């Protein structure tokens, strides 16, 4: 299964009428991963306490690491799918 950065992690459902449900965009997986990474970076480095802990730099690193995580998850998932299909062929 491919991890898509812009898939919604928490889609929001709203109802205009009892018989009509609409899905609205929630937070994307990329945003969710970046927020979690940002929390860890701030907790580890502090905010403004070191040369690393500047807001723009933390945000940039968080998004960069979120993208790297998504890429690695997709590489891992493709490897798992290849192993699974070769197992079923035997």
PDB file of N, CA and C in Angstrom:
ATOM      1  N   UNK A   1       0.844  -1.177   0.000  1.00  0.00           N
ATOM      2  CA  UNK A   1       0.000   0.000   0.000  1.00  0.00           C
ATOM      3  C   UNK A   1       0.888   1.238   0.000  1.00  0.00           C
ATOM      4  N   UNK A   2       0.668   2.114  -0.926  1.00  0.00           N
ATOM      5  CA  UNK A   2       1.447   3.339  -1.030  1.00  0.00           C
ATOM      6  C   UNK A   2       0.925   4.380  -0.045  1.00  0.00           C
ATOM      7  N   UNK A   3       1.867   5.027   0.654  1.00  0.00           N
ATOM      8  CA  UNK A   3       1.520   6.132   1.546  1.00  0.00           C
ATOM      9  C   UNK A   3       1.552   7.400   0.704  1.00  0.00           C
ATOM     10  N   UNK A   4       0.416   8.060   0.590  1.00  0.00           N
ATOM     11  CA  UNK A   4       0.321   9.282  -0.205  1.00  0.00           C
ATOM     12  C   UNK A   4       0.309  10.472   0.741  1.00  0.00           C
ATOM     13  N   UNK A   5       1.249  11.379   0.525  1.00  0.00           N
ATOM     14  CA  UNK A   5       1.445  12.504   1.437  1.00  0.00           C
ATOM     15  C   UNK A   5       0.197  13.352   1.623  1.00  0.00           C
ATOM     16  N   UNK A   6      -0.599  13.499   0.579  1.00  0.00           N
ATOM     17  CA  UNK A   6      -1.757  14.385   0.667  1.00  0.00           C
ATOM     18  C   UNK A   6      -3.069  13.671   0.937  1.00  0.00           C
ATOM     19  N   UNK A   7      -3.004  12.371   1.273  1.00  0.00           N
ATOM     20  CA  UNK A   7      -4.211  11.684   1.734  1.00  0.00           C
ATOM     21  C   UNK A   7      -4.600  12.241   3.097  1.00  0.00           C
ATOM     22  N   UNK A   8      -5.896  12.285   3.347  1.00  0.00           N
ATOM     23  CA  UNK A   8      -6.366  12.790   4.634  1.00  0.00           C
ATOM     24  C   UNK A   8      -6.156  11.744   5.714  1.00  0.00           C
ATOM     25  N   UNK A   9      -5.671  12.199   6.853  1.00  0.00           N
ATOM     26  CA  UNK A   9      -5.486  11.282   7.969  1.00  0.00           C
ATOM     27  C   UNK A   9      -6.732  11.272   8.852  1.00  0.00           C
ATOM     28  N   UNK A  10      -7.358  12.403   8.994  1.00  0.00           N
ATOM     29  CA  UNK A  10      -8.578  12.511   9.793  1.00  0.00           C
ATOM     30  C   UNK A  10      -9.632  13.253   8.977  1.00  0.00           C
ATOM     31  N   UNK A  11     -10.266  12.596   8.011  1.00  0.00           N
ATOM     32  CA  UNK A  11     -11.294  13.305   7.248  1.00  0.00           C
ATOM     33  C   UNK A  11     -12.436  13.733   8.169  1.00  0.00           C
ATOM     34  N   UNK A  12     -13.002  14.846   7.856  1.00  0.00           N
ATOM     35  CA  UNK A  12     -14.104  15.376   8.656  1.00  0.00           C
ATOM     36  C   UNK A  12     -15.407  15.128   7.911  1.00  0.00           C
ATOM     37  N   UNK A  13     -16.398  14.682   8.625  1.00  0.00           N
ATOM     38  CA  UNK A  13     -17.700  14.403   8.017  1.00  0.00           C
ATOM     39  C   UNK A  13     -18.699  15.434   8.519  1.00  0.00           C
ATOM     40  N   UNK A  14     -19.462  15.985   7.605  1.00  0.00           N
ATOM     41  CA  UNK A  14     -20.517  16.910   8.023  1.00  0.00           C
ATOM     42  C   UNK A  14     -21.781  16.562   7.264  1.00  0.00           C
ATOM     43  N   UNK A  15     -22.868  16.956   7.832  1.00  0.00           N
ATOM     44  CA  UNK A  15     -24.157  16.599   7.251  1.00  0.00           C
ATOM     45  C   UNK A  15     -25.003  17.854   7.117  1.00  0.00           C
ATOM     46  N   UNK A  16     -25.386  18.151   5.880  1.00  0.00           N
ATOM     47  CA  UNK A  16     -26.264  19.292   5.623  1.00  0.00           C
ATOM     48  C   UNK A  16     -27.719  18.890   5.836  1.00  0.00           C
ATOM     49  N   UNK A  17     -28.024  17.667   5.477  1.00  0.00           N
ATOM     50  CA  UNK A  17     -29.372  17.122   5.643  1.00  0.00           C
ATOM     51  C   UNK A  17     -29.219  15.705   6.191  1.00  0.00           C
ATOM     52  N   UNK A  18     -30.240  15.177   6.843  1.00  0.00           N
ATOM     53  CA  UNK A  18     -30.114  13.844   7.449  1.00  0.00           C
ATOM     54  C   UNK A  18     -29.657  12.753   6.487  1.00  0.00           C
ATOM     55  N   UNK A  19     -30.026  12.855   5.228  1.00  0.00           N
ATOM     56  CA  UNK A  19     -29.666  11.804   4.273  1.00  0.00           C
ATOM     57  C   UNK A  19     -28.378  12.109   3.499  1.00  0.00           C
ATOM     58  N   UNK A  20     -27.736  13.216   3.793  1.00  0.00           N
ATOM     59  CA  UNK A  20     -26.590  13.645   2.990  1.00  0.00           C
ATOM     60  C   UNK A  20     -25.354  13.868   3.861  1.00  0.00           C
ATOM     61  N   UNK A  21     -24.347  13.047   3.658  1.00  0.00           N
ATOM     62  CA  UNK A  21     -23.067  13.207   4.354  1.00  0.00           C
ATOM     63  C   UNK A  21     -22.044  13.753   3.374  1.00  0.00           C
ATOM     64  N   UNK A  22     -21.222  14.672   3.814  1.00  0.00           N
ATOM     65  CA  UNK A  22     -20.140  15.201   2.989  1.00  0.00           C
ATOM     66  C   UNK A  22     -18.830  15.008   3.733  1.00  0.00           C
ATOM     67  N   UNK A  23     -17.813  14.635   3.000  1.00  0.00           N
ATOM     68  CA  UNK A  23     -16.484  14.512   3.586  1.00  0.00           C
ATOM     69  C   UNK A  23     -15.717  15.776   3.245  1.00  0.00           C
ATOM     70  N   UNK A  24     -15.160  16.414   4.245  1.00  0.00           N
ATOM     71  CA  UNK A  24     -14.309  17.576   4.011  1.00  0.00           C
ATOM     72  C   UNK A  24     -12.880  17.189   4.353  1.00  0.00           C
ATOM     73  N   UNK A  25     -11.966  17.906   3.786  1.00  0.00           N
ATOM     74  CA  UNK A  25     -10.558  17.593   4.012  1.00  0.00           C
ATOM     75  C   UNK A  25     -10.180  17.804   5.465  1.00  0.00           C
ATOM     76  N   UNK A  26      -9.500  16.831   5.986  1.00  0.00           N
ATOM     77  CA  UNK A  26      -8.896  16.958   7.303  1.00  0.00           C
ATOM     78  C   UNK A  26      -7.408  17.194   7.104  1.00  0.00           C
ATOM     79  N   UNK A  27      -6.646  16.917   8.107  1.00  0.00           N
ATOM     80  CA  UNK A  27      -5.205  17.057   8.039  1.00  0.00           C
ATOM     81  C   UNK A  27      -4.628  15.970   7.123  1.00  0.00           C
ATOM     82  N   UNK A  28      -3.622  16.333   6.338  1.00  0.00           N
ATOM     83  CA  UNK A  28      -2.975  15.333   5.486  1.00  0.00           C
ATOM     84  C   UNK A  28      -1.972  14.525   6.299  1.00  0.00           C
ATOM     85  N   UNK A  29      -1.608  13.369   5.772  1.00  0.00           N
ATOM     86  CA  UNK A  29      -0.593  12.550   6.435  1.00  0.00           C
ATOM     87  C   UNK A  29       0.717  13.322   6.539  1.00  0.00           C
ATOM     88  N   UNK A  30       1.067  14.044   5.493  1.00  0.00           N
ATOM     89  CA  UNK A  30       2.312  14.821   5.498  1.00  0.00           C
ATOM     90  C   UNK A  30       2.287  15.863   6.611  1.00  0.00           C
ATOM     91  N   UNK A  31       1.171  16.580   6.738  1.00  0.00           N
ATOM     92  CA  UNK A  31       1.047  17.577   7.805  1.00  0.00           C
ATOM     93  C   UNK A  31       1.128  16.918   9.176  1.00  0.00           C
ATOM     94  N   UNK A  32       0.466  15.796   9.331  1.00  0.00           N
ATOM     95  CA  UNK A  32       0.466  15.083  10.611  1.00  0.00           C
ATOM     96  C   UNK A  32       1.880  14.644  10.987  1.00  0.00           C
ATOM     97  N   UNK A  33       2.584  14.032  10.036  1.00  0.00           N
ATOM     98  CA  UNK A  33       3.961  13.603  10.309  1.00  0.00           C
ATOM     99  C   UNK A  33       4.841  14.800  10.644  1.00  0.00           C
ATOM    100  N   UNK A  34       4.711  15.894   9.888  1.00  0.00           N
ATOM    101  CA  UNK A  34       5.541  17.081  10.119  1.00  0.00           C
ATOM    102  C   UNK A  34       5.283  17.677  11.502  1.00  0.00           C
ATOM    103  N   UNK A  35       4.035  17.702  11.922  1.00  0.00           N
ATOM    104  CA  UNK A  35       3.703  18.238  13.248  1.00  0.00           C
ATOM    105  C   UNK A  35       4.328  17.385  14.343  1.00  0.00           C
ATOM    106  N   UNK A  36       4.231  16.070  14.194  1.00  0.00           N
ATOM    107  CA  UNK A  36       4.812  15.184  15.207  1.00  0.00           C
ATOM    108  C   UNK A  36       6.334  15.336  15.259  1.00  0.00           C
ATOM    109  N   UNK A  37       6.951  15.445  14.093  1.00  0.00           N
ATOM    110  CA  UNK A  37       8.401  15.635  14.036  1.00  0.00           C
ATOM    111  C   UNK A  37       8.774  16.971  14.659  1.00  0.00           C
ATOM    112  N   UNK A  38       7.993  18.009  14.360  1.00  0.00           N
ATOM    113  CA  UNK A  38       8.268  19.333  14.913  1.00  0.00           C
ATOM    114  C   UNK A  38       8.205  19.315  16.439  1.00  0.00           C
ATOM    115  N   UNK A  39       7.225  18.616  16.989  1.00  0.00           N
ATOM    116  CA  UNK A  39       7.129  18.495  18.448  1.00  0.00           C
ATOM    117  C   UNK A  39       8.397  17.876  19.022  1.00  0.00           C
ATOM    118  N   UNK A  40       8.876  16.817  18.375  1.00  0.00           N
ATOM    119  CA  UNK A  40      10.084  16.155  18.850  1.00  0.00           C
ATOM    120  C   UNK A  40      11.309  17.045  18.754  1.00  0.00           C
ATOM    121  N   UNK A  41      11.440  17.768  17.645  1.00  0.00           N
ATOM    122  CA  UNK A  41      12.591  18.653  17.486  1.00  0.00           C
ATOM    123  C   UNK A  41      12.584  19.763  18.528  1.00  0.00           C
ATOM    124  N   UNK A  42      11.418  20.343  18.770  1.00  0.00           N
ATOM    125  CA  UNK A  42      11.331  21.415  19.770  1.00  0.00           C
ATOM    126  C   UNK A  42      11.608  20.866  21.162  1.00  0.00           C
ATOM    127  N   UNK A  43      11.067  19.691  21.469  1.00  0.00           N
ATOM    128  CA  UNK A  43      11.299  19.090  22.787  1.00  0.00           C
ATOM    129  C   UNK A  43      12.781  18.777  22.982  1.00  0.00           C
ATOM    130  N   UNK A  44      13.440  18.344  21.920  1.00  0.00           N
ATOM    131  CA  UNK A  44      14.848  17.961  22.034  1.00  0.00           C
ATOM    132  C   UNK A  44      15.772  19.177  22.053  1.00  0.00           C
ATOM    133  N   UNK A  45      15.534  20.125  21.156  1.00  0.00           N
ATOM    134  CA  UNK A  45      16.439  21.261  20.995  1.00  0.00           C
ATOM    135  C   UNK A  45      15.969  22.514  21.723  1.00  0.00           C
ATOM    136  N   UNK A  46      14.750  22.529  22.211  1.00  0.00           N
ATOM    137  CA  UNK A  46      14.207  23.748  22.790  1.00  0.00           C
ATOM    138  C   UNK A  46      13.821  24.704  21.674  1.00  0.00           C
ATOM    139  N   UNK A  47      13.193  25.781  22.011  1.00  0.00           N
ATOM    140  CA  UNK A  47      12.825  26.767  21.000  1.00  0.00           C
ATOM    141  C   UNK A  47      13.584  28.048  21.299  1.00  0.00           C
ATOM    142  N   UNK A  48      14.483  28.407  20.413  1.00  0.00           N
ATOM    143  CA  UNK A  48      15.273  29.616  20.594  1.00  0.00           C
ATOM    144  C   UNK A  48      16.448  29.439  21.530  1.00  0.00           C
ATOM    145  N   UNK A  49      16.670  28.221  22.020  1.00  0.00           N
ATOM    146  CA  UNK A  49      17.752  27.989  22.975  1.00  0.00           C
ATOM    147  C   UNK A  49      19.052  27.583  22.301  1.00  0.00           C
ATOM    148  N   UNK A  50      19.005  27.211  21.046  1.00  0.00           N
ATOM    149  CA  UNK A  50      20.223  26.850  20.328  1.00  0.00           C
ATOM    150  C   UNK A  50      20.150  27.416  18.923  1.00  0.00           C
ATOM    151  N   UNK A  51      21.277  27.379  18.225  1.00  0.00           N
ATOM    152  CA  UNK A  51      21.293  27.908  16.858  1.00  0.00           C
ATOM    153  C   UNK A  51      20.363  27.107  15.950  1.00  0.00           C
ATOM    154  N   UNK A  52      20.104  25.848  16.295  1.00  0.00           N
ATOM    155  CA  UNK A  52      19.228  24.999  15.487  1.00  0.00           C
ATOM    156  C   UNK A  52      17.759  25.362  15.673  1.00  0.00           C
ATOM    157  N   UNK A  53      17.422  25.903  16.832  1.00  0.00           N
ATOM    158  CA  UNK A  53      16.028  26.022  17.241  1.00  0.00           C
ATOM    159  C   UNK A  53      15.353  27.310  16.778  1.00  0.00           C
ATOM    160  N   UNK A  54      15.531  27.674  15.535  1.00  0.00           N
ATOM    161  CA  UNK A  54      14.811  28.815  14.971  1.00  0.00           C
ATOM    162  C   UNK A  54      13.566  28.291  14.262  1.00  0.00           C
ATOM    163  N   UNK A  55      12.488  29.017  14.360  1.00  0.00           N
ATOM    164  CA  UNK A  55      11.198  28.567  13.847  1.00  0.00           C
ATOM    165  C   UNK A  55      11.213  28.100  12.404  1.00  0.00           C
ATOM    166  N   UNK A  56      11.741  28.924  11.500  1.00  0.00           N
ATOM    167  CA  UNK A  56      11.757  28.554  10.082  1.00  0.00           C
ATOM    168  C   UNK A  56      12.578  27.297   9.850  1.00  0.00           C
ATOM    169  N   UNK A  57      13.702  27.189  10.541  1.00  0.00           N
ATOM    170  CA  UNK A  57      14.568  26.027  10.354  1.00  0.00           C
ATOM    171  C   UNK A  57      13.904  24.758  10.881  1.00  0.00           C
ATOM    172  N   UNK A  58      13.245  24.856  12.029  1.00  0.00           N
ATOM    173  CA  UNK A  58      12.532  23.700  12.580  1.00  0.00           C
ATOM    174  C   UNK A  58      11.412  23.279  11.627  1.00  0.00           C
ATOM    175  N   UNK A  59      10.672  24.239  11.107  1.00  0.00           N
ATOM    176  CA  UNK A  59       9.585  23.926  10.172  1.00  0.00           C
ATOM    177  C   UNK A  59      10.133  23.260   8.912  1.00  0.00           C
ATOM    178  N   UNK A  60      11.219  23.804   8.371  1.00  0.00           N
ATOM    179  CA  UNK A  60      11.822  23.245   7.160  1.00  0.00           C
ATOM    180  C   UNK A  60      12.285  21.806   7.394  1.00  0.00           C
ATOM    181  N   UNK A  61      12.969  21.571   8.504  1.00  0.00           N
ATOM    182  CA  UNK A  61      13.444  20.226   8.833  1.00  0.00           C
ATOM    183  C   UNK A  61      12.275  19.277   9.051  1.00  0.00           C
ATOM    184  N   UNK A  62      11.232  19.748   9.690  1.00  0.00           N
ATOM    185  CA  UNK A  62      10.072  18.896   9.967  1.00  0.00           C
ATOM    186  C   UNK A  62       9.436  18.397   8.678  1.00  0.00           C
ATOM    187  N   UNK A  63       9.253  19.289   7.721  1.00  0.00           N
ATOM    188  CA  UNK A  63       8.659  18.905   6.437  1.00  0.00           C
ATOM    189  C   UNK A  63       9.614  17.989   5.672  1.00  0.00           C
ATOM    190  N   UNK A  64      10.902  18.313   5.696  1.00  0.00           N
ATOM    191  CA  UNK A  64      11.902  17.479   5.022  1.00  0.00           C
ATOM    192  C   UNK A  64      11.900  16.060   5.597  1.00  0.00           C
ATOM    193  N   UNK A  65      11.872  15.946   6.919  1.00  0.00           N
ATOM    194  CA  UNK A  65      11.868  14.627   7.558  1.00  0.00           C
ATOM    195  C   UNK A  65      10.551  13.892   7.320  1.00  0.00           C
ATOM    196  N   UNK A  66       9.436  14.618   7.282  1.00  0.00           N
ATOM    197  CA  UNK A  66       8.143  13.983   6.978  1.00  0.00           C
ATOM    198  C   UNK A  66       8.170  13.392   5.573  1.00  0.00           C
ATOM    199  N   UNK A  67       8.719  14.137   4.615  1.00  0.00           N
ATOM    200  CA  UNK A  67       8.829  13.624   3.244  1.00  0.00           C
ATOM    201  C   UNK A  67       9.740  12.397   3.190  1.00  0.00           C
ATOM    202  N   UNK A  68      10.845  12.443   3.934  1.00  0.00           N
ATOM    203  CA  UNK A  68      11.765  11.296   3.972  1.00  0.00           C
ATOM    204  C   UNK A  68      11.077  10.075   4.578  1.00  0.00           C
ATOM    205  N   UNK A  69      10.279  10.284   5.608  1.00  0.00           N
ATOM    206  CA  UNK A  69       9.547   9.182   6.235  1.00  0.00           C
ATOM    207  C   UNK A  69       8.558   8.561   5.248  1.00  0.00           C
ATOM    208  N   UNK A  70       7.825   9.392   4.533  1.00  0.00           N
ATOM    209  CA  UNK A  70       6.859   8.891   3.547  1.00  0.00           C
ATOM    210  C   UNK A  70       7.581   8.102   2.455  1.00  0.00           C
ATOM    211  N   UNK A  71       8.707   8.630   1.968  1.00  0.00           N
ATOM    212  CA  UNK A  71       9.482   7.909   0.951  1.00  0.00           C
ATOM    213  C   UNK A  71       9.947   6.554   1.469  1.00  0.00           C
ATOM    214  N   UNK A  72      10.448   6.525   2.692  1.00  0.00           N
ATOM    215  CA  UNK A  72      10.944   5.269   3.264  1.00  0.00           C
ATOM    216  C   UNK A  72       9.809   4.279   3.504  1.00  0.00           C
ATOM    217  N   UNK A  73       8.681   4.749   3.973  1.00  0.00           N
ATOM    218  CA  UNK A  73       7.526   3.868   4.152  1.00  0.00           C
ATOM    219  C   UNK A  73       7.107   3.251   2.821  1.00  0.00           C
ATOM    220  N   UNK A  74       7.122   4.046   1.769  1.00  0.00           N
ATOM    221  CA  UNK A  74       6.750   3.524   0.452  1.00  0.00           C
ATOM    222  C   UNK A  74       7.764   2.509  -0.061  1.00  0.00           C
ATOM    223  N   UNK A  75       9.052   2.757   0.169  1.00  0.00           N
ATOM    224  CA  UNK A  75      10.073   1.776  -0.226  1.00  0.00           C
ATOM    225  C   UNK A  75       9.872   0.474   0.534  1.00  0.00           C
ATOM    226  N   UNK A  76       9.621   0.586   1.818  1.00  0.00           N
ATOM    227  CA  UNK A  76       9.411  -0.591   2.665  1.00  0.00           C
ATOM    228  C   UNK A  76       8.150  -1.344   2.231  1.00  0.00           C
ATOM    229  N   UNK A  77       7.077  -0.612   1.960  1.00  0.00           N
ATOM    230  CA  UNK A  77       5.820  -1.240   1.538  1.00  0.00           C
ATOM    231  C   UNK A  77       5.967  -1.949   0.199  1.00  0.00           C
ATOM    232  N   UNK A  78       6.708  -1.357  -0.732  1.00  0.00           N
ATOM    233  CA  UNK A  78       6.927  -1.999  -2.031  1.00  0.00           C
ATOM    234  C   UNK A  78       7.716  -3.287  -1.860  1.00  0.00           C
ATOM    235  N   UNK A  79       8.695  -3.265  -0.960  1.00  0.00           N
ATOM    236  CA  UNK A  79       9.484  -4.466  -0.682  1.00  0.00           C
ATOM    237  C   UNK A  79       8.606  -5.550  -0.080  1.00  0.00           C
ATOM    238  N   UNK A  80       7.741  -5.171   0.864  1.00  0.00           N
ATOM    239  CA  UNK A  80       6.822  -6.131   1.482  1.00  0.00           C
ATOM    240  C   UNK A  80       5.873  -6.729   0.453  1.00  0.00           C
ATOM    241  N   UNK A  81       5.358  -5.896  -0.455  1.00  0.00           N
ATOM    242  CA  UNK A  81       4.437  -6.383  -1.483  1.00  0.00           C
ATOM    243  C   UNK A  81       5.141  -7.343  -2.433  1.00  0.00           C
ATOM    244  N   UNK A  82       6.402  -7.071  -2.762  1.00  0.00           N
ATOM    245  CA  UNK A  82       7.166  -7.978  -3.627  1.00  0.00           C
ATOM    246  C   UNK A  82       7.373  -9.316  -2.942  1.00  0.00           C
ATOM    247  N   UNK A  83       7.720  -9.285  -1.655  1.00  0.00           N
ATOM    248  CA  UNK A  83       7.918 -10.524  -0.901  1.00  0.00           C
ATOM    249  C   UNK A  83       6.618 -11.310  -0.796  1.00  0.00           C
ATOM    250  N   UNK A  84       5.520 -10.607  -0.597  1.00  0.00           N
ATOM    251  CA  UNK A  84       4.225 -11.265  -0.465  1.00  0.00           C
ATOM    252  C   UNK A  84       3.819 -11.931  -1.778  1.00  0.00           C
ATOM    253  N   UNK A  85       4.008 -11.236  -2.897  1.00  0.00           N
ATOM    254  CA  UNK A  85       3.611 -11.821  -4.179  1.00  0.00           C
ATOM    255  C   UNK A  85       4.496 -13.010  -4.536  1.00  0.00           C
ATOM    256  N   UNK A  86       5.780 -12.979  -4.197  1.00  0.00           N
ATOM    257  CA  UNK A  86       6.644 -14.125  -4.497  1.00  0.00           C
ATOM    258  C   UNK A  86       6.314 -15.307  -3.596  1.00  0.00           C
ATOM    259  N   UNK A  87       5.846 -15.054  -2.380  1.00  0.00           N
ATOM    260  CA  UNK A  87       5.438 -16.123  -1.468  1.00  0.00           C
ATOM    261  C   UNK A  87       4.191 -16.818  -1.999  1.00  0.00           C
ATOM    262  N   UNK A  88       3.254 -16.040  -2.551  1.00  0.00           N
ATOM    263  CA  UNK A  88       2.013 -16.616  -3.074  1.00  0.00           C
ATOM    264  C   UNK A  88       2.240 -17.409  -4.356  1.00  0.00           C
ATOM    265  N   UNK A  89       3.312 -17.132  -5.057  1.00  0.00           N
ATOM    266  CA  UNK A  89       3.593 -17.844  -6.302  1.00  0.00           C
ATOM    267  C   UNK A  89       4.155 -19.237  -6.038  1.00  0.00           C
ATOM    268  N   UNK A  90       4.709 -19.466  -4.856  1.00  0.00           N
ATOM    269  CA  UNK A  90       5.307 -20.777  -4.536  1.00  0.00           C
ATOM    270  C   UNK A  90       4.286 -21.802  -4.179  1.00  0.00           C
TER     271      UNK A  90
END
